[in-house]
Amino acid sequence: MKTIGLRRPPTGNQGFTLLEIIIVVSLIVILAAASVRYYTGYLNRSKCSALEYAAQQTMLRAVRYVAERGPQAGITPADLDVNASSFQMVQAITIGGNGTSSNPLVVNATSTGQCPQGSKFILQEGQPTGTWK
């Protein structure tokens, strides 16, 4: 005899157990925490790189300026057509020295305070890398 309209409930495993859901959610949380940490490091490196780039570009212009006009003290960013506000994360740029071997050019780039390596990047003429303070 055939029954019409009555169905038996399905048998077997259906759905997820609470333990499985807890494990998956905890793995997602661990991966999210790790990715946030790496992303924060990436942002910090980019903020510091912007300041280093500003100092390097200013140094290139200062060296060219001295090569064209000869060594002289008191070179300002305005002489080089450099404006700190045109660079991201840069509050101020100053230039010291006069471009001679006894008094080489020194570029100080000051951060807006967002770089974790320091607030000032100093680049000296003839040095391959600058220093953070």
Protein backbone atom coordinates (compact mmCIF):
# COMPACT_ATOMS: atom_id res chain seq x y z
CA MET A 1 0.00 0.00 0.00
CA LYS A 2 1.25 3.43 -0.91
CA THR A 3 1.07 6.41 1.49
CA ILE A 4 0.50 9.77 -0.05
CA GLY A 5 1.85 13.03 1.41
CA LEU A 6 3.74 11.51 4.29
CA ARG A 7 7.48 11.64 4.17
CA ARG A 8 10.03 10.21 6.44
CA PRO A 9 12.60 12.61 7.87
CA PRO A 10 15.95 12.28 6.10
CA THR A 11 18.53 10.18 7.82
CA GLY A 12 22.31 10.73 8.00
CA ASN A 13 24.49 13.69 8.91
CA GLN A 14 23.17 17.07 7.95
CA GLY A 15 24.57 20.45 9.04
CA PHE A 16 27.60 21.21 11.17
CA THR A 17 28.22 20.49 14.80
CA LEU A 18 28.90 23.30 17.22
CA LEU A 19 32.50 22.13 17.61
CA GLU A 20 33.14 22.37 13.86
CA ILE A 21 31.73 25.89 13.72
CA ILE A 22 33.86 26.99 16.69
CA ILE A 23 37.02 25.63 15.05
CA VAL A 24 36.33 27.38 11.74
CA VAL A 25 35.52 30.70 13.41
CA SER A 26 38.67 30.55 15.57
CA LEU A 27 40.82 29.88 12.47
CA ILE A 28 39.28 32.89 10.73
CA VAL A 29 40.00 35.07 13.77
CA ILE A 30 43.64 33.91 13.92
CA LEU A 31 44.15 34.63 10.21
CA ALA A 32 42.52 38.05 10.52
CA ALA A 33 44.72 38.99 13.48
CA ALA A 34 47.88 38.00 11.59
CA SER A 35 46.87 39.90 8.47
CA VAL A 36 46.11 43.09 10.45
CA ARG A 37 49.58 42.93 11.99
CA TYR A 38 51.27 42.57 8.59
CA TYR A 39 49.12 45.32 7.08
CA THR A 40 50.06 47.70 9.90
CA GLY A 41 53.75 46.96 9.28
CA TYR A 42 53.26 47.66 5.59
CA LEU A 43 51.64 51.02 6.35
CA ASN A 44 54.47 52.00 8.72
CA ARG A 45 57.12 51.15 6.13
CA SER A 46 55.33 53.20 3.49
CA LYS A 47 55.12 56.23 5.80
CA CYS A 48 58.86 56.07 6.46
CA SER A 49 59.66 55.49 2.79
CA ALA A 50 57.83 58.69 1.87
CA LEU A 51 60.12 60.69 4.15
CA GLU A 52 63.24 59.00 2.80
CA TYR A 53 62.10 59.70 -0.76
CA ALA A 54 61.60 63.40 0.02
CA ALA A 55 65.11 63.66 1.48
CA GLN A 56 66.67 61.86 -1.50
CA GLN A 57 64.89 64.03 -4.05
CA THR A 58 65.93 67.17 -2.18
CA MET A 59 69.54 65.95 -2.02
CA LEU A 60 69.58 65.30 -5.78
CA ARG A 61 68.34 68.82 -6.44
CA ALA A 62 70.83 70.32 -3.97
CA VAL A 63 73.77 68.50 -5.56
CA ARG A 64 72.67 69.66 -9.01
CA TYR A 65 72.25 73.23 -7.69
CA VAL A 66 75.80 73.25 -6.25
CA ALA A 67 77.21 71.72 -9.44
CA GLU A 68 75.63 74.48 -11.53
CA ARG A 69 76.28 77.48 -9.24
CA GLY A 70 79.24 76.41 -7.11
CA PRO A 71 79.43 75.75 -3.35
CA GLN A 72 77.47 78.16 -1.23
CA ALA A 73 76.00 78.22 2.24
CA GLY A 74 72.40 78.97 3.03
CA ILE A 75 70.70 76.92 0.31
CA THR A 76 66.99 76.82 1.03
CA PRO A 77 64.32 74.44 -0.24
CA ALA A 78 62.84 77.41 -2.12
CA ASP A 79 66.11 77.75 -4.08
CA LEU A 80 65.64 74.15 -5.20
CA ASP A 81 61.93 74.54 -5.90
CA VAL A 82 61.16 72.03 -3.13
CA ASN A 83 58.07 72.34 -0.98
CA ALA A 84 57.60 70.01 2.00
CA SER A 85 53.85 70.01 1.52
CA SER A 86 54.26 68.45 -1.92
CA PHE A 87 55.53 65.27 -0.25
CA GLN A 88 53.29 63.03 1.83
CA MET A 89 54.13 62.59 5.53
CA VAL A 90 56.71 65.44 5.43
CA GLN A 91 56.39 68.40 7.76
CA ALA A 92 59.60 70.27 6.93
CA ILE A 93 62.80 70.01 4.90
CA THR A 94 66.02 71.86 5.77
CA ILE A 95 69.37 71.93 3.99
CA GLY A 96 72.73 72.45 5.65
CA GLY A 97 76.32 72.57 4.45
CA ASN A 98 77.65 74.28 1.37
CA GLY A 99 78.60 71.37 -0.89
CA THR A 100 82.36 71.27 -0.30
CA SER A 101 84.29 68.24 0.90
CA SER A 102 84.88 69.90 4.28
CA ASN A 103 81.25 70.94 4.64
CA PRO A 104 79.04 68.49 2.68
CA LEU A 105 75.37 69.01 2.03
CA VAL A 106 73.00 67.65 4.68
CA VAL A 107 69.26 67.28 4.16
CA ASN A 108 66.97 66.99 7.20
CA ALA A 109 63.43 65.80 6.49
CA THR A 110 61.03 66.01 9.43
CA SER A 111 58.06 63.65 9.61
CA THR A 112 54.51 64.58 10.48
CA GLY A 113 54.96 62.21 13.42
CA GLN A 114 53.51 59.11 11.79
CA CYS A 115 56.73 57.22 11.06
CA PRO A 116 57.65 54.71 13.78
CA GLN A 117 61.39 54.79 12.93
CA GLY A 118 61.74 58.36 14.11
CA SER A 119 60.62 61.89 13.44
CA LYS A 120 63.65 63.00 11.42
CA PHE A 121 65.57 61.48 8.51
CA ILE A 122 69.06 62.90 7.89
CA LEU A 123 70.82 62.37 4.58
CA GLN A 124 74.41 63.53 4.10
CA GLU A 125 76.10 64.07 0.75
CA GLY A 126 78.40 61.18 -0.14
CA GLN A 127 76.71 58.74 2.25
CA PRO A 128 74.80 55.82 0.67
CA THR A 129 72.06 55.78 3.30
CA GLY A 130 70.59 58.20 5.77
CA THR A 131 69.97 57.93 9.50
CA TRP A 132 66.80 58.15 11.59
CA LYS A 133 66.51 60.20 14.75
